[in-house]
Amino acid sequence: MFFYSNEHEPIHIHGQRGSSESKAEFIIVDGKILEIKISNVSGRKPLVGKDLKHFKEFLEHYCDSIVEKWVNYFVYHKEVPFERITKRNK
């Protein structure tokens, strides 16, 4: 999962596996994540099956951290260190 360094609002990240890619948009009201909407990325095949399931599980587990990193990078212009996550989210 990643975000591009020239992203735009709303807060969102991309999930990619091979040539497939989807994005997740975070709907936030009063500082709380109310919903995560998954959508297709123009010109790319969407994630499907197990890949989509794993993307959703990842989002559920890391949603607060994702939003925090996005805000730190794009709002506060802080360095956000690369983080490799290798364990399953079960």
C-alpha atoms as a PDB file:
ATOM      1  CA  MET A   1       0.000   0.000   0.000  1.00  0.00           C
ATOM      2  CA  PHE A   2       1.289   3.454  -0.757  1.00  0.00           C
ATOM      3  CA  PHE A   3       0.493   7.040  -1.522  1.00  0.00           C
ATOM      4  CA  TYR A   4       2.178   9.162  -4.147  1.00  0.00           C
ATOM      5  CA  SER A   5       4.246  12.138  -2.978  1.00  0.00           C
ATOM      6  CA  ASN A   6       2.088  14.523  -5.044  1.00  0.00           C
ATOM      7  CA  GLU A   7      -1.296  13.316  -3.742  1.00  0.00           C
ATOM      8  CA  HIS A   8      -4.428  15.344  -3.202  1.00  0.00           C
ATOM      9  CA  GLU A   9      -7.380  15.243  -0.861  1.00  0.00           C
ATOM     10  CA  PRO A  10      -9.422  13.358   0.127  1.00  0.00           C
ATOM     11  CA  ILE A  11      -7.064  11.181   2.155  1.00  0.00           C
ATOM     12  CA  HIS A  12      -6.524   7.966   0.236  1.00  0.00           C
ATOM     13  CA  ILE A  13      -3.964   5.264  -0.468  1.00  0.00           C
ATOM     14  CA  HIS A  14      -3.333   2.848  -3.300  1.00  0.00           C
ATOM     15  CA  GLY A  15      -3.126  -0.920  -3.083  1.00  0.00           C
ATOM     16  CA  GLN A  16      -1.257  -2.689  -5.869  1.00  0.00           C
ATOM     17  CA  ARG A  17      -0.585  -6.310  -6.723  1.00  0.00           C
ATOM     18  CA  GLY A  18       1.073  -7.007 -10.036  1.00  0.00           C
ATOM     19  CA  SER A  19      -0.718  -4.965 -12.703  1.00  0.00           C
ATOM     20  CA  SER A  20      -3.873  -4.555 -10.578  1.00  0.00           C
ATOM     21  CA  GLU A  21      -4.489  -1.479  -8.443  1.00  0.00           C
ATOM     22  CA  SER A  22      -7.319  -0.059  -6.351  1.00  0.00           C
ATOM     23  CA  LYS A  23      -7.503   2.912  -4.033  1.00  0.00           C
ATOM     24  CA  ALA A  24      -9.112   3.441  -0.642  1.00  0.00           C
ATOM     25  CA  GLU A  25     -10.566   6.814   0.313  1.00  0.00           C
ATOM     26  CA  PHE A  26     -11.027   7.652   3.982  1.00  0.00           C
ATOM     27  CA  ILE A  27     -14.227   9.482   4.913  1.00  0.00           C
ATOM     28  CA  ILE A  28     -13.417  11.408   8.092  1.00  0.00           C
ATOM     29  CA  VAL A  29     -15.845  13.474  10.168  1.00  0.00           C
ATOM     30  CA  ASP A  30     -14.851  15.248  13.384  1.00  0.00           C
ATOM     31  CA  GLY A  31     -11.503  13.465  13.368  1.00  0.00           C
ATOM     32  CA  LYS A  32     -12.996   9.962  13.155  1.00  0.00           C
ATOM     33  CA  ILE A  33     -12.901   7.562  10.234  1.00  0.00           C
ATOM     34  CA  LEU A  34     -16.537   6.876   9.379  1.00  0.00           C
ATOM     35  CA  GLU A  35     -16.029   4.903   6.197  1.00  0.00           C
ATOM     36  CA  ILE A  36     -13.402   3.584   3.826  1.00  0.00           C
ATOM     37  CA  LYS A  37     -14.486   3.565   0.165  1.00  0.00           C
ATOM     38  CA  ILE A  38     -12.584   1.348  -2.256  1.00  0.00           C
ATOM     39  CA  SER A  39     -12.602   2.347  -5.911  1.00  0.00           C
ATOM     40  CA  ASN A  40     -10.871   1.608  -9.187  1.00  0.00           C
ATOM     41  CA  VAL A  41      -7.832   3.468 -10.491  1.00  0.00           C
ATOM     42  CA  SER A  42      -8.253   4.823 -14.007  1.00  0.00           C
ATOM     43  CA  GLY A  43      -6.422   2.726 -16.589  1.00  0.00           C
ATOM     44  CA  ARG A  44      -5.654  -0.142 -14.188  1.00  0.00           C
ATOM     45  CA  LYS A  45      -7.348  -3.451 -13.502  1.00  0.00           C
ATOM     46  CA  PRO A  46      -8.885  -3.415  -9.984  1.00  0.00           C
ATOM     47  CA  LEU A  47      -7.830  -5.728  -7.184  1.00  0.00           C
ATOM     48  CA  VAL A  48     -10.124  -8.756  -6.995  1.00  0.00           C
ATOM     49  CA  GLY A  49     -10.566 -11.930  -4.968  1.00  0.00           C
ATOM     50  CA  LYS A  50      -7.958 -12.597  -2.286  1.00  0.00           C
ATOM     51  CA  ASP A  51      -5.984  -9.489  -3.224  1.00  0.00           C
ATOM     52  CA  LEU A  52      -9.008  -7.275  -2.593  1.00  0.00           C
ATOM     53  CA  LYS A  53      -9.779  -9.162   0.628  1.00  0.00           C
ATOM     54  CA  HIS A  54      -6.204  -8.650   1.872  1.00  0.00           C
ATOM     55  CA  PHE A  55      -6.370  -4.953   0.964  1.00  0.00           C
ATOM     56  CA  LYS A  56      -9.556  -4.563   3.026  1.00  0.00           C
ATOM     57  CA  GLU A  57      -8.022  -6.430   5.977  1.00  0.00           C
ATOM     58  CA  PHE A  58      -4.928  -4.233   5.785  1.00  0.00           C
ATOM     59  CA  LEU A  59      -7.067  -1.093   5.776  1.00  0.00           C
ATOM     60  CA  GLU A  60      -9.061  -2.223   8.797  1.00  0.00           C
ATOM     61  CA  HIS A  61      -5.914  -2.987  10.756  1.00  0.00           C
ATOM     62  CA  TYR A  62      -3.834   0.066   9.773  1.00  0.00           C
ATOM     63  CA  CYS A  63      -6.426   2.777   9.000  1.00  0.00           C
ATOM     64  CA  ASP A  64      -5.481   5.083  11.905  1.00  0.00           C
ATOM     65  CA  SER A  65      -1.773   4.805  11.142  1.00  0.00           C
ATOM     66  CA  ILE A  66      -2.382   5.464   7.440  1.00  0.00           C
ATOM     67  CA  VAL A  67      -4.341   8.647   8.143  1.00  0.00           C
ATOM     68  CA  GLU A  68      -1.729   9.828  10.652  1.00  0.00           C
ATOM     69  CA  LYS A  69       1.102   9.326   8.143  1.00  0.00           C
ATOM     70  CA  TRP A  70      -0.862  11.010   5.342  1.00  0.00           C
ATOM     71  CA  VAL A  71      -1.551  14.068   7.521  1.00  0.00           C
ATOM     72  CA  ASN A  72       2.044  14.214   8.761  1.00  0.00           C
ATOM     73  CA  TYR A  73       3.365  14.150   5.201  1.00  0.00           C
ATOM     74  CA  PHE A  74       0.875  16.345   3.344  1.00  0.00           C
ATOM     75  CA  VAL A  75      -0.303  18.745   6.066  1.00  0.00           C
ATOM     76  CA  TYR A  76       2.698  19.087   8.386  1.00  0.00           C
ATOM     77  CA  HIS A  77       5.340  18.350   5.727  1.00  0.00           C
ATOM     78  CA  LYS A  78       7.145  15.908   7.987  1.00  0.00           C
ATOM     79  CA  GLU A  79       9.362  13.078   6.857  1.00  0.00           C
ATOM     80  CA  VAL A  80       7.444   9.813   6.908  1.00  0.00           C
ATOM     81  CA  PRO A  81       9.842   6.871   7.030  1.00  0.00           C
ATOM     82  CA  PHE A  82       9.223   3.898   4.793  1.00  0.00           C
ATOM     83  CA  GLU A  83       7.646   1.019   6.678  1.00  0.00           C
ATOM     84  CA  ARG A  84       7.647  -2.539   5.368  1.00  0.00           C
ATOM     85  CA  ILE A  85       4.873  -4.695   6.810  1.00  0.00           C
ATOM     86  CA  THR A  86       5.481  -8.388   6.275  1.00  0.00           C
ATOM     87  CA  LYS A  87       3.131 -10.076   8.716  1.00  0.00           C
ATOM     88  CA  ARG A  88      -0.439 -11.151   8.049  1.00  0.00           C
ATOM     89  CA  ASN A  89      -3.279  -9.131   9.565  1.00  0.00           C
ATOM     90  CA  LYS A  90      -5.156 -12.019  11.142  1.00  0.00           C
END
